Amino acid sequence: MRQLGQATIDHARATDGIVAHLLLWVTAKDRATGQPATMGLWTGDDVQDFVIDGQTRSYFGAGSFIDGDPVTMETGLKVRMHRVRFAPVTAEAAQLVRGYDTRLAPAELHRALFDPVTMTLIDTPHRLVRGWINSLPIPTPAEGQTAAGEMIIASSARALTKSLSRTFSDGSLRARASTDGFFKYTDITGEVETRWGA
């Protein structure tokens, strides 16, 4: 169950209204340097810093050019796919799409709530989704049209689907310890007849 901060609960009880913004944070690999790089985009209009998990992150404003489907919370181990649509018209969004290798990059979605009158942040943004980028096609629009891409983020339950097949080969065991010959004969198991007691 999602835990909301007391300031958020108190503001919701006051029924003054809330302005919600979506925050997208991606940790990908820079194609130019090969080093990890982070990028934050949000539905606001300008660059803004948010403190998330005790760290200050800078999010670049993408305005109405970024949008996400409503996040449905569900218990269980099902891998859920979350869609975030955006148009890489800002320099930062274009850098994320074309300058970074986002294949299986960790991604997070947060929601920031603002007071509609003062437009001040009510509470620390709360996380909606944590997972990995499943796909992010590079949009190439027709002449005179605006590009629009769709990022699909797989939920963190995908980590439970990772297989451990490397641990069942002789080569993988010897890569860890050269004297480990436990699976030495697995390639010919069942092909060689061995008499009982031999």
Protein backbone atom coordinates (compact mmCIF):
# COMPACT_ATOMS: atom_id res chain seq x y z
CA MET A 1 0.00 0.00 0.00
CA ARG A 2 1.29 3.44 -0.89
CA GLN A 3 2.22 5.62 2.08
CA LEU A 4 1.48 9.33 1.61
CA GLY A 5 3.07 12.07 3.68
CA GLN A 6 1.09 13.84 6.37
CA ALA A 7 1.25 17.16 4.50
CA THR A 8 -0.40 15.52 1.47
CA ILE A 9 -3.14 13.98 3.63
CA ASP A 10 -3.81 17.29 5.42
CA HIS A 11 -4.01 19.21 2.13
CA ALA A 12 -6.38 16.62 0.64
CA ARG A 13 -8.66 16.94 3.68
CA ALA A 14 -8.76 20.72 3.24
CA THR A 15 -10.36 20.18 -0.21
CA ASP A 16 -8.56 23.17 -1.72
CA GLY A 17 -7.67 21.21 -4.81
CA ILE A 18 -4.38 19.77 -5.98
CA VAL A 19 -2.26 20.24 -9.10
CA ALA A 20 -0.41 17.03 -9.95
CA HIS A 21 2.70 16.77 -12.12
CA LEU A 22 4.42 13.66 -13.47
CA LEU A 23 8.17 13.22 -12.97
CA LEU A 24 10.24 10.82 -15.10
CA TRP A 25 13.77 9.82 -14.04
CA VAL A 26 15.99 7.63 -16.25
CA THR A 27 19.49 6.28 -15.66
CA ALA A 28 20.84 5.32 -19.09
CA LYS A 29 24.18 5.00 -20.89
CA ASP A 30 25.55 7.99 -22.80
CA ARG A 31 26.20 6.83 -26.38
CA ALA A 32 29.13 9.26 -26.77
CA THR A 33 31.07 8.37 -23.61
CA GLY A 34 29.67 4.96 -22.64
CA GLN A 35 29.24 6.22 -19.07
CA PRO A 36 26.00 6.13 -17.02
CA ALA A 37 23.98 9.32 -17.34
CA THR A 38 20.77 10.47 -15.67
CA MET A 39 17.95 12.55 -17.07
CA GLY A 40 14.85 13.93 -15.40
CA LEU A 41 11.80 15.27 -17.25
CA TRP A 42 8.56 16.54 -15.77
CA THR A 43 5.28 18.02 -16.92
CA GLY A 44 6.16 21.47 -15.57
CA ASP A 45 7.40 24.40 -17.62
CA ASP A 46 10.91 24.99 -16.29
CA VAL A 47 13.85 23.28 -14.60
CA GLN A 48 13.07 22.42 -10.98
CA ASP A 49 14.89 20.53 -8.26
CA PHE A 50 13.08 17.87 -6.23
CA VAL A 51 14.38 15.96 -3.23
CA ILE A 52 13.67 12.25 -3.74
CA ASP A 53 14.99 9.54 -1.42
CA GLY A 54 17.23 12.11 0.25
CA GLN A 55 18.89 13.21 -3.02
CA THR A 56 18.30 16.40 -4.97
CA ARG A 57 17.43 15.74 -8.61
CA SER A 58 17.03 18.30 -11.39
CA TYR A 59 14.07 17.76 -13.71
CA PHE A 60 13.79 19.60 -17.03
CA GLY A 61 10.41 20.98 -17.97
CA ALA A 62 8.69 19.27 -20.87
CA GLY A 63 5.26 20.78 -20.27
CA SER A 64 2.40 19.22 -22.17
CA PHE A 65 4.85 17.31 -24.36
CA ILE A 66 5.03 14.54 -21.78
CA ASP A 67 2.04 12.52 -20.58
CA GLY A 68 1.44 9.19 -18.89
CA ASP A 69 -1.40 6.73 -18.54
CA PRO A 70 -3.06 6.51 -15.11
CA VAL A 71 -1.09 4.13 -12.88
CA THR A 72 -3.17 1.28 -11.51
CA MET A 73 -1.86 -0.26 -8.29
CA GLU A 74 -2.17 -4.03 -8.04
CA THR A 75 -0.80 -6.61 -5.63
CA GLY A 76 0.93 -9.72 -6.87
CA LEU A 77 3.90 -10.68 -9.02
CA LYS A 78 2.52 -9.71 -12.41
CA VAL A 79 4.88 -7.65 -14.58
CA ARG A 80 2.98 -4.48 -15.41
CA MET A 81 3.72 -2.22 -18.37
CA HIS A 82 3.37 1.55 -17.91
CA ARG A 83 3.25 3.93 -20.87
CA VAL A 84 4.69 7.43 -20.99
CA ARG A 85 4.07 9.43 -24.17
CA PHE A 86 6.23 12.39 -25.07
CA ALA A 87 7.42 14.45 -27.98
CA PRO A 88 11.19 15.06 -28.12
CA VAL A 89 10.83 18.72 -28.97
CA THR A 90 12.90 19.99 -26.05
CA ALA A 91 16.67 19.58 -26.17
CA GLU A 92 16.63 17.37 -23.05
CA ALA A 93 13.94 15.03 -24.36
CA ALA A 94 15.80 14.72 -27.68
CA GLN A 95 19.00 13.91 -25.77
CA LEU A 96 17.19 11.16 -23.86
CA VAL A 97 15.83 9.59 -27.05
CA ARG A 98 18.80 9.99 -29.38
CA GLY A 99 21.83 10.59 -27.17
CA TYR A 100 21.31 7.85 -24.56
CA ASP A 101 21.11 4.09 -24.87
CA THR A 102 17.92 3.42 -22.92
CA ARG A 103 17.71 -0.35 -23.50
CA LEU A 104 16.73 -1.88 -20.13
CA ALA A 105 17.66 1.39 -18.40
CA PRO A 106 16.29 1.85 -14.87
CA ALA A 107 13.39 4.32 -14.79
CA GLU A 108 11.16 5.83 -12.12
CA LEU A 109 7.89 7.74 -12.22
CA HIS A 110 6.97 10.07 -9.37
CA ARG A 111 4.01 12.36 -8.76
CA ALA A 112 4.53 15.84 -7.35
CA LEU A 113 1.54 17.61 -5.81
CA PHE A 114 1.30 21.40 -5.77
CA ASP A 115 -1.03 23.86 -4.08
CA PRO A 116 -3.24 25.32 -6.88
CA VAL A 117 -3.19 28.83 -5.38
CA THR A 118 0.44 29.33 -4.41
CA MET A 119 1.89 26.66 -6.78
CA THR A 120 4.22 25.52 -4.02
CA LEU A 121 5.14 21.87 -3.55
CA ILE A 122 2.89 20.32 -0.91
CA ASP A 123 5.07 17.35 0.03
CA THR A 124 7.96 15.21 -1.20
CA PRO A 125 7.03 13.58 -4.53
CA HIS A 126 5.85 9.99 -4.07
CA ARG A 127 6.92 7.15 -6.32
CA LEU A 128 4.37 5.58 -8.65
CA VAL A 129 6.54 3.17 -10.66
CA ARG A 130 10.05 1.77 -10.46
CA GLY A 131 11.27 -0.52 -13.20
CA TRP A 132 13.16 -0.74 -16.49
CA ILE A 133 12.56 0.72 -19.92
CA ASN A 134 11.13 -2.07 -22.04
CA SER A 135 11.01 -0.11 -25.29
CA LEU A 136 11.55 3.42 -26.53
CA PRO A 137 11.26 3.71 -30.31
CA ILE A 138 12.94 6.70 -31.92
CA PRO A 139 10.18 8.63 -33.66
CA THR A 140 10.75 10.02 -37.14
CA PRO A 141 7.78 12.21 -38.07
CA ALA A 142 6.48 12.98 -41.52
CA GLU A 143 7.38 16.35 -42.94
CA GLY A 144 5.54 19.13 -41.15
CA GLN A 145 4.40 16.92 -38.25
CA THR A 146 5.58 16.61 -34.66
CA ALA A 147 7.36 13.48 -33.46
CA ALA A 148 5.67 11.56 -30.67
CA GLY A 149 7.24 8.60 -28.92
CA GLU A 150 5.99 6.13 -26.34
CA MET A 151 8.20 4.81 -23.60
CA ILE A 152 7.06 1.54 -22.03
CA ILE A 153 8.36 0.87 -18.53
CA ALA A 154 8.21 -2.67 -17.14
CA SER A 155 7.59 -2.83 -13.39
CA SER A 156 10.23 -4.08 -10.96
CA ALA A 157 8.50 -7.49 -10.87
CA ARG A 158 10.42 -8.23 -14.07
CA ALA A 159 13.49 -8.95 -11.91
CA LEU A 160 11.75 -12.16 -10.80
CA THR A 161 11.65 -13.45 -14.40
CA LYS A 162 15.43 -13.46 -14.85
CA SER A 163 16.71 -16.97 -15.49
CA LEU A 164 19.82 -18.47 -13.92
CA SER A 165 20.85 -20.66 -16.86
CA ARG A 166 24.53 -19.66 -16.66
CA THR A 167 24.95 -21.56 -13.40
CA PHE A 168 24.25 -24.88 -15.15
CA SER A 169 27.23 -25.01 -17.51
CA ASP A 170 30.78 -26.19 -16.96
CA GLY A 171 32.18 -23.03 -18.52
CA SER A 172 30.33 -20.67 -16.21
CA LEU A 173 31.45 -22.57 -13.10
CA ARG A 174 35.06 -22.64 -14.27
CA ALA A 175 34.91 -18.90 -14.97
CA ARG A 176 34.24 -18.41 -11.26
CA ALA A 177 36.70 -21.08 -10.05
CA SER A 178 39.00 -22.88 -12.48
CA THR A 179 39.10 -26.04 -10.34
CA ASP A 180 35.30 -26.38 -10.09
CA GLY A 181 34.57 -29.41 -12.26
CA PHE A 182 31.14 -30.30 -10.88
CA PHE A 183 29.46 -29.99 -14.32
CA LYS A 184 32.42 -31.38 -16.28
CA TYR A 185 30.42 -34.15 -17.93
CA THR A 186 27.00 -32.49 -18.30
CA ASP A 187 27.41 -32.19 -22.09
CA ILE A 188 27.56 -35.98 -22.51
CA THR A 189 25.19 -37.00 -19.73
CA GLY A 190 22.86 -39.71 -20.99
CA GLU A 191 25.05 -40.53 -23.98
CA VAL A 192 27.59 -42.70 -22.16
CA GLU A 193 26.49 -45.94 -20.54
CA THR A 194 27.98 -46.50 -17.13
CA ARG A 195 27.58 -49.88 -15.46
CA TRP A 196 26.54 -49.90 -11.84
CA GLY A 197 29.60 -50.00 -9.61
CA ALA A 198 32.02 -49.04 -12.38
